[in-house]
Amino acid sequence: MLDLYELSDLKILVETIFHKVIRKKTNERSMQLAAQIALKYLEICCKRQTKNSEIKNAIAFLQKLPKTTNFAIHRIAAEYYNKLVNHDQEGADKIANLLVRN
């Protein structure tokens, strides 16, 4: 559904969600939903070739998630997008291959 939004509207929506989740002590289910939204947002930003600042905000949000097994895949995906943004294709490919194998 996020694909239907204009990028400027989507940016406002996603940043609002990030802000609410970070500032308020939300439950784990809400954080998981926000993490899924962040990953979809990153996918959309990369497809539409947006500014790195939007991508970096989503990556930063994912990196702030708890360091638990429930959020491990989200944090790995954040590192994958971080490699892409920093033009480290080899590093991104290693992460992608790791995920495909498992």
C-alpha atoms as a PDB file:
ATOM      1  CA  MET A   1       0.000   0.000   0.000  1.00  0.00           C
ATOM      2  CA  LEU A   2       2.899   2.347   0.635  1.00  0.00           C
ATOM      3  CA  ASP A   3       3.678   2.206  -3.089  1.00  0.00           C
ATOM      4  CA  LEU A   4       0.534   4.246  -3.737  1.00  0.00           C
ATOM      5  CA  TYR A   5       1.808   7.337  -1.910  1.00  0.00           C
ATOM      6  CA  GLU A   6       3.706  10.201  -3.462  1.00  0.00           C
ATOM      7  CA  LEU A   7       7.201  10.144  -2.037  1.00  0.00           C
ATOM      8  CA  SER A   8       6.811  13.485  -0.251  1.00  0.00           C
ATOM      9  CA  ASP A   9       3.646  12.276   1.511  1.00  0.00           C
ATOM     10  CA  LEU A  10       5.206   8.937   2.291  1.00  0.00           C
ATOM     11  CA  LYS A  11       8.243  10.627   3.826  1.00  0.00           C
ATOM     12  CA  ILE A  12       6.033  12.595   6.240  1.00  0.00           C
ATOM     13  CA  LEU A  13       4.026   9.508   7.175  1.00  0.00           C
ATOM     14  CA  VAL A  14       7.077   7.340   7.774  1.00  0.00           C
ATOM     15  CA  GLU A  15       8.960   9.986   9.745  1.00  0.00           C
ATOM     16  CA  THR A  16       5.894  10.465  11.956  1.00  0.00           C
ATOM     17  CA  ILE A  17       5.805   6.734  12.644  1.00  0.00           C
ATOM     18  CA  PHE A  18       9.534   6.654  13.410  1.00  0.00           C
ATOM     19  CA  HIS A  19       9.175   9.592  15.776  1.00  0.00           C
ATOM     20  CA  LYS A  20       6.249   8.029  17.648  1.00  0.00           C
ATOM     21  CA  VAL A  21       7.947   4.667  18.044  1.00  0.00           C
ATOM     22  CA  ILE A  22      11.269   6.133  19.176  1.00  0.00           C
ATOM     23  CA  ARG A  23       9.841   8.762  21.542  1.00  0.00           C
ATOM     24  CA  LYS A  24       7.171   6.619  23.165  1.00  0.00           C
ATOM     25  CA  LYS A  25       7.691   3.307  24.798  1.00  0.00           C
ATOM     26  CA  THR A  26       5.723   1.168  22.366  1.00  0.00           C
ATOM     27  CA  ASN A  27       5.166  -2.536  22.595  1.00  0.00           C
ATOM     28  CA  GLU A  28       7.182  -5.008  20.591  1.00  0.00           C
ATOM     29  CA  ARG A  29       4.403  -5.634  18.064  1.00  0.00           C
ATOM     30  CA  SER A  30       4.217  -1.917  17.235  1.00  0.00           C
ATOM     31  CA  MET A  31       7.986  -1.784  16.833  1.00  0.00           C
ATOM     32  CA  GLN A  32       7.876  -4.803  14.496  1.00  0.00           C
ATOM     33  CA  LEU A  33       5.216  -3.135  12.358  1.00  0.00           C
ATOM     34  CA  ALA A  34       7.242   0.079  12.237  1.00  0.00           C
ATOM     35  CA  ALA A  35      10.321  -1.933  11.254  1.00  0.00           C
ATOM     36  CA  GLN A  36       8.399  -3.573   8.407  1.00  0.00           C
ATOM     37  CA  ILE A  37       7.234  -0.149   7.257  1.00  0.00           C
ATOM     38  CA  ALA A  38      10.831   1.099   7.391  1.00  0.00           C
ATOM     39  CA  LEU A  39      12.017  -1.779   5.216  1.00  0.00           C
ATOM     40  CA  LYS A  40       9.269  -1.190   2.670  1.00  0.00           C
ATOM     41  CA  TYR A  41      10.111   2.521   2.698  1.00  0.00           C
ATOM     42  CA  LEU A  42      13.769   1.714   2.018  1.00  0.00           C
ATOM     43  CA  GLU A  43      12.753  -0.506  -0.875  1.00  0.00           C
ATOM     44  CA  ILE A  44      10.583   2.261  -2.341  1.00  0.00           C
ATOM     45  CA  CYS A  45      13.286   4.896  -1.868  1.00  0.00           C
ATOM     46  CA  CYS A  46      15.864   2.751  -3.626  1.00  0.00           C
ATOM     47  CA  LYS A  47      13.506   1.957  -6.515  1.00  0.00           C
ATOM     48  CA  ARG A  48      12.661   5.638  -6.944  1.00  0.00           C
ATOM     49  CA  GLN A  49      16.294   6.663  -6.429  1.00  0.00           C
ATOM     50  CA  THR A  50      15.552   9.234  -3.750  1.00  0.00           C
ATOM     51  CA  LYS A  51      17.988  11.325  -1.753  1.00  0.00           C
ATOM     52  CA  ASN A  52      20.279   9.462   0.596  1.00  0.00           C
ATOM     53  CA  SER A  53      19.017  11.513   3.555  1.00  0.00           C
ATOM     54  CA  GLU A  54      15.607   9.774   3.478  1.00  0.00           C
ATOM     55  CA  ILE A  55      17.272   6.396   3.185  1.00  0.00           C
ATOM     56  CA  LYS A  56      19.700   7.167   6.008  1.00  0.00           C
ATOM     57  CA  ASN A  57      16.832   8.200   8.322  1.00  0.00           C
ATOM     58  CA  ALA A  58      15.149   4.834   7.812  1.00  0.00           C
ATOM     59  CA  ILE A  59      18.434   2.993   8.316  1.00  0.00           C
ATOM     60  CA  ALA A  60      19.073   4.953  11.531  1.00  0.00           C
ATOM     61  CA  PHE A  61      15.610   4.021  12.798  1.00  0.00           C
ATOM     62  CA  LEU A  62      16.239   0.324  12.150  1.00  0.00           C
ATOM     63  CA  GLN A  63      19.626   0.506  13.852  1.00  0.00           C
ATOM     64  CA  LYS A  64      17.924   1.851  16.999  1.00  0.00           C
ATOM     65  CA  LEU A  65      15.718  -1.219  17.311  1.00  0.00           C
ATOM     66  CA  PRO A  66      16.412  -3.523  20.246  1.00  0.00           C
ATOM     67  CA  LYS A  67      19.297  -5.911  19.716  1.00  0.00           C
ATOM     68  CA  THR A  68      17.151  -9.011  20.074  1.00  0.00           C
ATOM     69  CA  THR A  69      16.526 -11.970  17.809  1.00  0.00           C
ATOM     70  CA  ASN A  70      13.060 -10.606  17.016  1.00  0.00           C
ATOM     71  CA  PHE A  71      14.636  -7.638  15.249  1.00  0.00           C
ATOM     72  CA  ALA A  72      17.759  -9.307  13.866  1.00  0.00           C
ATOM     73  CA  ILE A  73      16.522  -9.550  10.283  1.00  0.00           C
ATOM     74  CA  HIS A  74      15.482  -5.883  10.325  1.00  0.00           C
ATOM     75  CA  ARG A  75      18.902  -4.841  11.546  1.00  0.00           C
ATOM     76  CA  ILE A  76      20.624  -7.017   8.920  1.00  0.00           C
ATOM     77  CA  ALA A  77      18.450  -5.489   6.204  1.00  0.00           C
ATOM     78  CA  ALA A  78      19.378  -2.023   7.498  1.00  0.00           C
ATOM     79  CA  GLU A  79      23.048  -2.913   7.099  1.00  0.00           C
ATOM     80  CA  TYR A  80      22.342  -4.150   3.556  1.00  0.00           C
ATOM     81  CA  TYR A  81      20.767  -0.808   2.599  1.00  0.00           C
ATOM     82  CA  ASN A  82      23.561   1.043   4.381  1.00  0.00           C
ATOM     83  CA  LYS A  83      26.076  -0.768   2.172  1.00  0.00           C
ATOM     84  CA  LEU A  84      24.071   0.161  -0.933  1.00  0.00           C
ATOM     85  CA  VAL A  85      23.896   3.837   0.047  1.00  0.00           C
ATOM     86  CA  ASN A  86      27.639   3.884   0.664  1.00  0.00           C
ATOM     87  CA  HIS A  87      28.297   2.275  -2.734  1.00  0.00           C
ATOM     88  CA  ASP A  88      29.671  -0.921  -1.182  1.00  0.00           C
ATOM     89  CA  GLN A  89      28.131  -3.358  -3.655  1.00  0.00           C
ATOM     90  CA  GLU A  90      30.431  -6.181  -2.581  1.00  0.00           C
ATOM     91  CA  GLY A  91      29.323  -5.849   1.042  1.00  0.00           C
ATOM     92  CA  ALA A  92      25.663  -5.636   0.033  1.00  0.00           C
ATOM     93  CA  ASP A  93      26.057  -8.744  -2.128  1.00  0.00           C
ATOM     94  CA  LYS A  94      27.591 -10.664   0.781  1.00  0.00           C
ATOM     95  CA  ILE A  95      24.614  -9.810   2.993  1.00  0.00           C
ATOM     96  CA  ALA A  96      22.141 -10.680   0.227  1.00  0.00           C
ATOM     97  CA  ASN A  97      23.878 -14.041  -0.365  1.00  0.00           C
ATOM     98  CA  LEU A  98      23.816 -14.780   3.354  1.00  0.00           C
ATOM     99  CA  LEU A  99      20.095 -14.097   3.499  1.00  0.00           C
ATOM    100  CA  VAL A 100      19.353 -16.184   0.409  1.00  0.00           C
ATOM    101  CA  ARG A 101      21.245 -19.181   1.782  1.00  0.00           C
ATOM    102  CA  ASN A 102      19.344 -19.086   5.058  1.00  0.00           C
END
